[in-house]
N, C-alpha and C. Protein backbone atom coordinates (compact mmCIF):
# COMPACT_ATOMS: atom_id res chain seq x y z
N UNK A 1 28.05 231.66 -0.31
CA UNK A 1 28.86 232.76 -0.19
C UNK A 1 29.51 233.00 -1.75
N UNK A 2 29.62 234.06 -2.03
CA UNK A 2 30.09 234.59 -3.24
C UNK A 2 30.47 236.03 -3.36
N UNK A 3 31.59 236.32 -4.18
CA UNK A 3 32.03 237.68 -4.29
C UNK A 3 32.13 237.85 -5.93
N UNK A 4 31.77 239.10 -6.35
CA UNK A 4 31.67 239.38 -7.88
C UNK A 4 32.20 240.88 -7.83
N UNK A 5 32.60 241.24 -9.06
CA UNK A 5 32.89 242.52 -9.36
C UNK A 5 32.48 243.13 -10.73
N UNK A 6 32.56 244.47 -10.87
CA UNK A 6 32.16 245.04 -12.15
C UNK A 6 32.89 246.35 -12.17
N UNK A 7 33.31 246.44 -13.33
CA UNK A 7 34.08 247.92 -13.67
C UNK A 7 33.24 248.53 -14.58
N UNK A 8 32.54 249.81 -14.01
CA UNK A 8 31.56 250.52 -15.03
C UNK A 8 32.11 251.87 -15.03
N UNK A 9 31.17 252.67 -15.75
CA UNK A 9 31.71 254.06 -15.89
C UNK A 9 31.65 254.84 -14.62
N UNK A 10 30.93 254.28 -13.61
CA UNK A 10 30.86 255.17 -12.35
C UNK A 10 31.85 254.55 -11.34
N UNK A 11 32.78 253.61 -11.70
CA UNK A 11 33.64 253.07 -10.94
C UNK A 11 33.67 251.63 -10.69
N UNK A 12 34.41 250.98 -9.80
CA UNK A 12 34.59 249.60 -9.60
C UNK A 12 33.74 249.32 -8.45
N UNK A 13 32.96 248.31 -8.59
CA UNK A 13 32.00 247.76 -7.54
C UNK A 13 32.17 246.28 -7.23
N UNK A 14 32.18 246.02 -5.94
CA UNK A 14 32.33 244.61 -5.51
C UNK A 14 31.02 244.25 -4.72
N UNK A 15 30.49 243.03 -4.96
CA UNK A 15 29.24 242.52 -4.29
C UNK A 15 29.63 241.30 -3.68
N UNK A 16 29.31 241.03 -2.41
CA UNK A 16 29.49 240.09 -1.54
C UNK A 16 28.25 239.55 -1.07
N UNK A 17 28.01 238.22 -1.17
CA UNK A 17 26.65 237.64 -0.56
C UNK A 17 27.18 236.49 0.29
N UNK A 18 26.13 236.15 1.21
CA UNK A 18 26.43 234.98 2.26
C UNK A 18 27.37 235.61 3.34
N UNK A 19 27.97 234.64 3.74
CA UNK A 19 28.95 234.89 5.00
C UNK A 19 30.24 235.47 4.36
N UNK A 20 30.75 236.78 4.77
CA UNK A 20 31.86 237.24 4.58
C UNK A 20 32.95 236.89 5.57
N UNK A 21 33.78 235.91 5.24
CA UNK A 21 34.85 235.43 6.39
C UNK A 21 35.97 234.88 5.62
N UNK A 22 36.99 234.22 6.29
CA UNK A 22 38.24 233.91 5.66
C UNK A 22 38.07 233.05 4.37
N UNK A 23 37.00 232.28 4.38
CA UNK A 23 36.92 231.49 3.23
C UNK A 23 36.81 232.26 1.89
N UNK A 24 36.61 233.55 1.81
CA UNK A 24 36.64 234.47 0.72
C UNK A 24 37.91 235.22 0.47
N UNK A 25 38.88 234.70 1.32
CA UNK A 25 40.37 235.46 1.27
C UNK A 25 40.91 235.50 0.07
N UNK A 26 40.86 234.30 -0.58
CA UNK A 26 41.79 234.19 -1.97
C UNK A 26 40.86 235.01 -3.02
N UNK A 27 39.57 234.67 -3.09
CA UNK A 27 38.76 235.43 -4.09
C UNK A 27 38.71 236.99 -3.82
N UNK A 28 38.88 237.42 -2.64
CA UNK A 28 38.96 238.87 -2.48
C UNK A 28 40.21 239.51 -2.88
N UNK A 29 41.18 238.68 -2.51
CA UNK A 29 42.45 239.28 -3.10
C UNK A 29 42.53 239.29 -4.62
N UNK A 30 42.02 238.29 -5.37
CA UNK A 30 41.91 238.42 -6.76
C UNK A 30 41.13 239.61 -7.26
N UNK A 31 39.90 239.83 -6.59
CA UNK A 31 39.16 240.99 -6.96
C UNK A 31 39.87 242.47 -6.54
N UNK A 32 40.55 242.35 -5.39
CA UNK A 32 41.24 243.58 -4.95
C UNK A 32 42.49 243.75 -5.97
N UNK A 33 43.14 242.77 -6.60
CA UNK A 33 44.22 243.15 -7.44
C UNK A 33 43.53 243.66 -8.83
N UNK A 34 42.32 243.26 -9.11
CA UNK A 34 41.69 243.87 -10.30
C UNK A 34 41.12 245.20 -9.95
N UNK A 35 40.89 245.59 -8.76
CA UNK A 35 40.42 246.85 -8.47
C UNK A 35 41.66 247.71 -8.44
N UNK A 36 42.65 247.37 -7.97
CA UNK A 36 43.89 248.11 -7.90
C UNK A 36 44.28 248.56 -9.42
N UNK A 37 44.17 247.36 -10.17
CA UNK A 37 44.80 247.72 -11.56
C UNK A 37 43.76 248.41 -12.38
N UNK A 38 42.38 248.62 -11.85
CA UNK A 38 41.35 249.23 -12.79
C UNK A 38 41.65 250.89 -12.81
N UNK A 39 42.27 251.33 -11.75
CA UNK A 39 42.63 252.83 -11.73
C UNK A 39 41.35 253.58 -11.50
N UNK A 40 40.35 252.79 -11.21
CA UNK A 40 38.87 253.51 -10.81
C UNK A 40 39.22 254.64 -9.77
N UNK A 41 38.33 255.73 -10.07
CA UNK A 41 38.36 256.62 -8.96
C UNK A 41 37.42 256.53 -7.83
N UNK A 42 36.50 255.59 -8.01
CA UNK A 42 35.50 255.40 -6.98
C UNK A 42 35.31 253.89 -6.81
N UNK A 43 35.18 253.48 -5.59
CA UNK A 43 34.98 252.00 -5.18
C UNK A 43 33.73 251.82 -4.36
N UNK A 44 33.01 250.91 -4.69
CA UNK A 44 31.74 250.53 -4.01
C UNK A 44 31.67 249.06 -3.43
N UNK A 45 31.47 248.86 -2.30
CA UNK A 45 31.38 247.46 -1.78
C UNK A 45 29.95 247.26 -1.33
N UNK A 46 29.10 246.47 -1.99
CA UNK A 46 27.90 246.11 -1.67
C UNK A 46 27.65 245.02 -0.79
N UNK A 47 27.30 245.21 0.43
CA UNK A 47 27.22 244.12 1.57
C UNK A 47 25.74 243.92 1.88
N UNK A 48 24.90 244.30 1.00
CA UNK A 48 23.59 244.04 1.29
C UNK A 48 23.12 242.55 1.34
N UNK A 49 23.89 241.72 0.68
CA UNK A 49 23.60 240.29 0.73
C UNK A 49 24.29 239.48 1.77
N UNK A 50 25.13 240.28 2.63
CA UNK A 50 25.94 239.44 3.66
C UNK A 50 25.11 239.31 4.99
N UNK A 51 25.26 238.10 5.36
CA UNK A 51 24.44 237.64 6.33
C UNK A 51 25.23 237.78 7.75
N UNK A 52 26.64 237.37 7.50
CA UNK A 52 27.45 237.33 8.78
C UNK A 52 28.65 237.86 8.32
N UNK A 53 29.55 238.40 9.24
CA UNK A 53 30.82 238.86 8.74
C UNK A 53 31.75 238.65 9.90
N UNK A 54 32.98 238.30 9.93
CA UNK A 54 33.96 238.22 10.86
C UNK A 54 35.23 239.17 10.95
N UNK A 55 36.20 238.98 11.75
CA UNK A 55 37.24 239.92 11.90
C UNK A 55 38.26 239.93 10.53
N UNK A 56 38.20 238.72 9.97
CA UNK A 56 39.05 238.59 8.79
C UNK A 56 38.52 239.47 7.61
N UNK A 57 37.24 239.57 7.51
CA UNK A 57 36.55 240.33 6.51
C UNK A 57 36.87 241.91 6.78
N UNK A 58 36.92 242.23 8.11
CA UNK A 58 37.28 243.70 8.40
C UNK A 58 38.84 243.72 7.96
N UNK A 59 39.58 242.68 8.03
CA UNK A 59 40.99 243.04 7.61
C UNK A 59 41.04 243.05 5.96
N UNK A 60 40.13 242.23 5.29
CA UNK A 60 40.17 242.25 3.95
C UNK A 60 39.84 243.76 3.48
N UNK A 61 38.83 244.17 4.18
CA UNK A 61 38.36 245.61 3.66
C UNK A 61 39.34 246.85 3.97
N UNK A 62 40.17 246.48 5.04
CA UNK A 62 41.28 247.32 5.49
C UNK A 62 42.31 247.28 4.42
N UNK A 63 42.55 246.20 3.96
CA UNK A 63 43.53 245.96 2.95
C UNK A 63 43.01 246.68 1.51
N UNK A 64 41.76 246.42 1.34
CA UNK A 64 41.44 247.32 0.11
C UNK A 64 41.34 248.76 0.32
N UNK A 65 40.99 249.39 1.41
CA UNK A 65 41.28 250.70 1.69
C UNK A 65 42.77 250.97 1.47
N UNK A 66 43.74 250.33 2.13
CA UNK A 66 44.93 250.72 1.97
C UNK A 66 45.70 250.58 0.49
N UNK A 67 45.39 249.57 -0.26
CA UNK A 67 45.79 249.59 -1.41
C UNK A 67 45.06 250.50 -2.48
N UNK A 68 43.62 250.59 -2.48
CA UNK A 68 42.86 251.20 -3.47
C UNK A 68 42.30 252.64 -3.02
N UNK A 69 42.34 252.78 -1.75
CA UNK A 69 41.85 254.22 -1.21
C UNK A 69 42.95 255.10 -0.71
N UNK A 70 44.03 254.63 -0.75
CA UNK A 70 45.11 255.35 -0.28
C UNK A 70 45.53 256.73 -0.85
N UNK A 71 44.90 256.86 -2.23
CA UNK A 71 45.27 258.02 -2.88
C UNK A 71 44.12 258.99 -2.92
N UNK A 72 43.42 259.02 -1.85
CA UNK A 72 42.23 259.83 -1.86
C UNK A 72 40.94 259.33 -2.48
N UNK A 73 41.00 258.06 -2.92
CA UNK A 73 39.73 257.51 -3.61
C UNK A 73 38.76 257.16 -2.51
N UNK A 74 37.58 257.31 -2.78
CA UNK A 74 36.48 256.95 -1.67
C UNK A 74 36.19 255.70 -2.07
N UNK A 75 35.85 254.98 -0.72
CA UNK A 75 35.22 253.60 -0.85
C UNK A 75 33.83 253.70 -0.09
N UNK A 76 32.81 253.33 -0.89
CA UNK A 76 31.49 253.51 -0.19
C UNK A 76 30.97 252.05 0.05
N UNK A 77 30.38 251.88 1.17
CA UNK A 77 29.89 250.49 1.57
C UNK A 77 28.34 250.80 1.64
N UNK A 78 27.76 249.75 0.71
CA UNK A 78 26.31 249.83 0.55
C UNK A 78 25.56 248.77 1.31
N UNK A 79 24.47 249.00 1.83
CA UNK A 79 23.26 248.19 2.31
C UNK A 79 23.74 247.26 3.51
N UNK A 80 24.59 247.85 4.42
CA UNK A 80 24.87 247.12 5.67
C UNK A 80 23.64 246.81 6.43
N UNK A 81 23.47 245.56 6.84
CA UNK A 81 22.43 245.24 7.81
C UNK A 81 22.93 245.86 9.31
N UNK A 82 21.97 246.20 10.01
CA UNK A 82 22.32 246.87 11.36
C UNK A 82 23.36 246.22 12.09
N UNK A 83 23.21 244.86 12.12
CA UNK A 83 24.16 244.05 12.90
C UNK A 83 25.57 244.08 12.38
N UNK A 84 25.68 244.23 10.91
CA UNK A 84 27.03 244.22 10.34
C UNK A 84 27.57 245.69 10.60
N UNK A 85 26.73 246.78 10.39
CA UNK A 85 27.21 248.01 10.68
C UNK A 85 27.74 248.26 12.15
N UNK A 86 27.03 247.65 13.11
CA UNK A 86 27.68 247.59 14.37
C UNK A 86 28.99 247.23 14.53
N UNK A 87 29.28 246.05 13.82
CA UNK A 87 30.64 245.55 13.87
C UNK A 87 31.82 246.54 13.24
N UNK A 88 31.33 247.25 12.23
CA UNK A 88 31.94 248.12 11.78
C UNK A 88 32.21 249.44 12.83
N UNK A 89 31.23 249.78 13.42
CA UNK A 89 31.26 250.84 14.34
C UNK A 89 32.13 250.39 15.67
N UNK A 90 31.88 249.10 16.14
CA UNK A 90 32.70 248.74 17.23
C UNK A 90 34.20 248.70 17.01
N UNK A 91 34.57 248.41 15.85
CA UNK A 91 35.96 248.29 15.29
C UNK A 91 36.52 249.77 14.88
N UNK A 92 35.61 250.78 14.97
CA UNK A 92 36.03 252.16 14.35
C UNK A 92 36.24 252.25 13.01
N UNK A 93 35.59 251.20 12.31
CA UNK A 93 35.80 251.31 10.95
C UNK A 93 34.82 252.32 10.10
N UNK A 94 33.96 252.81 10.84
CA UNK A 94 32.84 253.70 10.46
C UNK A 94 33.72 255.06 9.92
N UNK A 95 34.92 255.16 10.39
CA UNK A 95 35.62 256.36 10.14
C UNK A 95 36.50 256.29 8.71
N UNK A 96 36.47 255.15 8.27
CA UNK A 96 37.38 254.70 7.32
C UNK A 96 36.66 254.51 5.90
N UNK A 97 35.13 254.38 6.01
CA UNK A 97 34.35 254.01 4.76
C UNK A 97 33.26 254.98 4.77
N UNK A 98 32.66 255.28 3.60
CA UNK A 98 31.42 255.93 3.64
C UNK A 98 30.22 254.79 3.56
N UNK A 99 29.28 254.85 4.57
CA UNK A 99 28.32 253.93 4.65
C UNK A 99 27.03 254.51 3.97
N UNK A 100 26.52 254.03 3.06
CA UNK A 100 25.27 254.57 2.32
C UNK A 100 24.22 253.42 2.41
């Protein structure tokens, strides 16, 4: 499992691979701090490489939304596998993010 980020002309992107769970909490916080300080207008979270996700991952994404998406900034979630998207839908998170 890993997490990486990139700041480009099209915004701030986060890529997560492997299991997205509590073990990534500290790394995700560091990335989130970088995202917040980037001042980027658009955020993208690429979950195409995520095999499994737990409730702590939902919490981390909600923190990202609260910190970085609170000023009308969009957060796009890319490449969710159907079972991952089902978790978002069950938790009503499909209303908080744009799924592409």
